[in-house]
Amino acid sequence: MKQTEKNTYTEEEIEELKKWFESQQLPEELALDKATYIPNLRDTLDRLLEQANLCCGNPKMQGCIILLERIREKLVSQSK
């Protein structure tokens, strides 16, 4: 699921992201990149997933989903 590959995400894809995050042992905080620090990762994920459910069909409101994808990629890269 990359933004360049598609314009919108389905509810099923959002549910897949939610299940993935629920199955992980998450750190309390995360430095996503040099400019993006997330002090309360679980709370941030809950809010992003809620927003993603509301916006999944709107191609102009995909930022929350793209951020969820970036967080997942970072967590996967840290676990290697």
N, C-alpha and C. Protein backbone atom coordinates (compact mmCIF):
# COMPACT_ATOMS: atom_id res chain seq x y z
N MET A 1 0.83 -1.18 0.00
CA MET A 1 0.00 0.00 0.00
C MET A 1 0.88 1.25 0.00
N LYS A 2 1.21 1.75 -1.13
CA LYS A 2 1.96 2.99 -1.23
C LYS A 2 1.09 4.05 -1.88
N GLN A 3 1.26 5.29 -1.46
CA GLN A 3 0.46 6.37 -2.00
C GLN A 3 0.63 6.48 -3.51
N THR A 4 1.80 6.23 -4.02
CA THR A 4 2.03 6.36 -5.45
C THR A 4 1.33 5.27 -6.24
N GLU A 5 0.95 4.20 -5.59
CA GLU A 5 0.30 3.09 -6.27
C GLU A 5 -1.21 3.26 -6.37
N LYS A 6 -1.81 3.99 -5.45
CA LYS A 6 -3.26 4.12 -5.45
C LYS A 6 -3.68 5.42 -4.79
N ASN A 7 -4.89 5.85 -5.06
CA ASN A 7 -5.38 7.11 -4.51
C ASN A 7 -6.17 6.95 -3.23
N THR A 8 -6.81 5.81 -3.03
CA THR A 8 -7.59 5.60 -1.81
C THR A 8 -7.33 4.21 -1.25
N TYR A 9 -7.71 4.05 0.01
CA TYR A 9 -7.56 2.79 0.70
C TYR A 9 -8.95 2.28 1.07
N THR A 10 -9.08 0.97 1.17
CA THR A 10 -10.37 0.38 1.53
C THR A 10 -10.46 0.22 3.05
N GLU A 11 -11.68 -0.01 3.52
CA GLU A 11 -11.87 -0.27 4.94
C GLU A 11 -11.14 -1.54 5.36
N GLU A 12 -11.06 -2.51 4.47
CA GLU A 12 -10.34 -3.76 4.76
C GLU A 12 -8.85 -3.50 4.95
N GLU A 13 -8.29 -2.61 4.15
CA GLU A 13 -6.87 -2.28 4.29
C GLU A 13 -6.60 -1.53 5.59
N ILE A 14 -7.53 -0.69 5.99
CA ILE A 14 -7.40 0.01 7.27
C ILE A 14 -7.49 -1.00 8.42
N GLU A 15 -8.40 -1.94 8.31
CA GLU A 15 -8.54 -2.98 9.34
C GLU A 15 -7.27 -3.83 9.42
N GLU A 16 -6.66 -4.11 8.28
CA GLU A 16 -5.40 -4.86 8.25
C GLU A 16 -4.31 -4.10 8.99
N LEU A 17 -4.22 -2.80 8.77
CA LEU A 17 -3.25 -1.97 9.49
C LEU A 17 -3.52 -2.02 10.99
N LYS A 18 -4.78 -1.87 11.37
CA LYS A 18 -5.16 -1.88 12.78
C LYS A 18 -4.75 -3.20 13.45
N LYS A 19 -5.05 -4.31 12.80
CA LYS A 19 -4.69 -5.62 13.35
C LYS A 19 -3.18 -5.77 13.47
N TRP A 20 -2.45 -5.25 12.48
CA TRP A 20 -0.99 -5.35 12.54
C TRP A 20 -0.47 -4.61 13.76
N PHE A 21 -0.93 -3.37 13.97
CA PHE A 21 -0.47 -2.59 15.12
C PHE A 21 -0.87 -3.26 16.44
N GLU A 22 -2.06 -3.83 16.50
CA GLU A 22 -2.51 -4.50 17.72
C GLU A 22 -1.67 -5.73 18.04
N SER A 23 -1.09 -6.35 17.04
CA SER A 23 -0.31 -7.57 17.26
C SER A 23 1.15 -7.28 17.64
N GLN A 24 1.52 -6.02 17.65
CA GLN A 24 2.91 -5.65 17.92
C GLN A 24 3.11 -5.19 19.35
N GLN A 25 4.33 -5.39 19.84
CA GLN A 25 4.73 -4.77 21.09
C GLN A 25 5.30 -3.42 20.71
N LEU A 26 4.57 -2.38 21.04
CA LEU A 26 4.94 -1.04 20.58
C LEU A 26 5.76 -0.30 21.64
N PRO A 27 6.72 0.49 21.18
CA PRO A 27 7.44 1.34 22.13
C PRO A 27 6.53 2.47 22.60
N GLU A 28 6.88 3.08 23.71
CA GLU A 28 6.10 4.21 24.22
C GLU A 28 6.18 5.40 23.27
N GLU A 29 7.35 5.58 22.66
CA GLU A 29 7.58 6.73 21.79
C GLU A 29 8.33 6.28 20.55
N LEU A 30 8.34 7.15 19.54
CA LEU A 30 8.99 6.79 18.28
C LEU A 30 9.50 8.05 17.60
N ALA A 31 10.76 8.01 17.17
CA ALA A 31 11.31 9.06 16.32
C ALA A 31 11.19 8.54 14.89
N LEU A 32 10.19 9.01 14.19
CA LEU A 32 9.92 8.52 12.84
C LEU A 32 10.99 8.96 11.86
N ASP A 33 11.43 10.19 11.99
CA ASP A 33 12.52 10.73 11.19
C ASP A 33 13.10 11.91 11.97
N LYS A 34 13.99 12.67 11.36
CA LYS A 34 14.62 13.77 12.08
C LYS A 34 13.62 14.83 12.56
N ALA A 35 12.53 14.97 11.84
CA ALA A 35 11.57 16.03 12.16
C ALA A 35 10.28 15.53 12.80
N THR A 36 10.11 14.22 12.93
CA THR A 36 8.84 13.69 13.43
C THR A 36 9.07 12.81 14.65
N TYR A 37 8.70 13.33 15.81
CA TYR A 37 8.82 12.60 17.07
C TYR A 37 7.41 12.37 17.61
N ILE A 38 7.12 11.12 17.97
CA ILE A 38 5.80 10.76 18.50
C ILE A 38 5.99 10.33 19.95
N PRO A 39 5.61 11.20 20.93
CA PRO A 39 5.86 10.88 22.34
C PRO A 39 4.95 9.80 22.91
N ASN A 40 3.73 9.67 22.41
CA ASN A 40 2.80 8.66 22.91
C ASN A 40 2.29 7.88 21.70
N LEU A 41 3.02 6.84 21.33
CA LEU A 41 2.73 6.13 20.09
C LEU A 41 1.36 5.48 20.09
N ARG A 42 0.98 4.80 21.15
CA ARG A 42 -0.31 4.10 21.18
C ARG A 42 -1.47 5.08 21.00
N ASP A 43 -1.44 6.18 21.72
CA ASP A 43 -2.51 7.18 21.60
C ASP A 43 -2.54 7.77 20.19
N THR A 44 -1.38 8.04 19.64
CA THR A 44 -1.30 8.58 18.27
C THR A 44 -1.86 7.58 17.27
N LEU A 45 -1.52 6.31 17.41
CA LEU A 45 -2.04 5.29 16.50
C LEU A 45 -3.56 5.18 16.59
N ASP A 46 -4.09 5.22 17.80
CA ASP A 46 -5.55 5.16 17.98
C ASP A 46 -6.23 6.30 17.24
N ARG A 47 -5.68 7.49 17.36
CA ARG A 47 -6.28 8.66 16.70
C ARG A 47 -6.12 8.60 15.19
N LEU A 48 -4.96 8.17 14.72
CA LEU A 48 -4.75 8.05 13.27
C LEU A 48 -5.66 6.99 12.66
N LEU A 49 -5.84 5.88 13.36
CA LEU A 49 -6.72 4.82 12.84
C LEU A 49 -8.18 5.28 12.81
N GLU A 50 -8.59 6.04 13.82
CA GLU A 50 -9.95 6.58 13.83
C GLU A 50 -10.15 7.53 12.64
N GLN A 51 -9.17 8.40 12.42
CA GLN A 51 -9.25 9.32 11.29
C GLN A 51 -9.21 8.56 9.97
N ALA A 52 -8.39 7.52 9.89
CA ALA A 52 -8.28 6.72 8.66
C ALA A 52 -9.61 6.07 8.31
N ASN A 53 -10.33 5.58 9.31
CA ASN A 53 -11.64 4.97 9.06
C ASN A 53 -12.62 5.98 8.48
N LEU A 54 -12.53 7.22 8.91
CA LEU A 54 -13.42 8.25 8.41
C LEU A 54 -13.05 8.72 7.00
N CYS A 55 -11.76 8.67 6.67
CA CYS A 55 -11.26 9.29 5.44
C CYS A 55 -10.83 8.30 4.36
N CYS A 56 -10.99 7.01 4.58
CA CYS A 56 -10.39 6.03 3.68
C CYS A 56 -10.88 6.14 2.24
N GLY A 57 -12.08 6.63 2.00
CA GLY A 57 -12.58 6.73 0.64
C GLY A 57 -12.29 8.05 -0.05
N ASN A 58 -11.70 8.99 0.67
CA ASN A 58 -11.45 10.32 0.13
C ASN A 58 -9.98 10.46 -0.26
N PRO A 59 -9.66 10.57 -1.54
CA PRO A 59 -8.26 10.64 -1.96
C PRO A 59 -7.53 11.88 -1.47
N LYS A 60 -8.24 12.91 -1.06
CA LYS A 60 -7.59 14.13 -0.56
C LYS A 60 -7.29 14.06 0.93
N MET A 61 -7.75 13.01 1.60
CA MET A 61 -7.59 12.89 3.05
C MET A 61 -6.82 11.63 3.43
N GLN A 62 -5.80 11.30 2.68
CA GLN A 62 -5.06 10.06 2.91
C GLN A 62 -3.82 10.23 3.78
N GLY A 63 -3.55 11.45 4.25
CA GLY A 63 -2.35 11.70 5.03
C GLY A 63 -2.22 10.83 6.26
N CYS A 64 -3.32 10.60 6.97
CA CYS A 64 -3.26 9.77 8.18
C CYS A 64 -2.87 8.33 7.83
N ILE A 65 -3.33 7.84 6.71
CA ILE A 65 -3.02 6.47 6.30
C ILE A 65 -1.57 6.37 5.86
N ILE A 66 -1.10 7.37 5.16
CA ILE A 66 0.30 7.40 4.74
C ILE A 66 1.20 7.43 5.97
N LEU A 67 0.82 8.20 6.98
CA LEU A 67 1.59 8.26 8.22
C LEU A 67 1.57 6.91 8.94
N LEU A 68 0.44 6.24 8.96
CA LEU A 68 0.37 4.89 9.55
C LEU A 68 1.31 3.93 8.83
N GLU A 69 1.36 4.02 7.52
CA GLU A 69 2.26 3.17 6.73
C GLU A 69 3.72 3.47 7.07
N ARG A 70 4.04 4.74 7.21
CA ARG A 70 5.42 5.12 7.55
C ARG A 70 5.80 4.61 8.94
N ILE A 71 4.87 4.70 9.88
CA ILE A 71 5.14 4.19 11.24
C ILE A 71 5.37 2.69 11.19
N ARG A 72 4.54 1.97 10.46
CA ARG A 72 4.72 0.52 10.35
C ARG A 72 6.07 0.18 9.73
N GLU A 73 6.44 0.87 8.65
CA GLU A 73 7.74 0.63 8.01
C GLU A 73 8.89 0.86 8.98
N LYS A 74 8.79 1.92 9.78
CA LYS A 74 9.84 2.23 10.76
C LYS A 74 9.93 1.14 11.82
N LEU A 75 8.80 0.70 12.33
CA LEU A 75 8.80 -0.36 13.35
C LEU A 75 9.35 -1.66 12.79
N VAL A 76 9.01 -1.99 11.56
CA VAL A 76 9.53 -3.21 10.93
C VAL A 76 11.04 -3.09 10.77
N SER A 77 11.52 -1.94 10.33
CA SER A 77 12.97 -1.78 10.13
C SER A 77 13.72 -1.83 11.46
N GLN A 78 13.11 -1.37 12.54
CA GLN A 78 13.75 -1.42 13.86
C GLN A 78 13.80 -2.83 14.42
N SER A 79 12.88 -3.67 14.00
CA SER A 79 12.84 -5.03 14.55
C SER A 79 13.81 -5.97 13.85
N LYS A 80 14.43 -5.52 12.78
CA LYS A 80 15.37 -6.39 12.05
C LYS A 80 16.74 -6.38 12.67
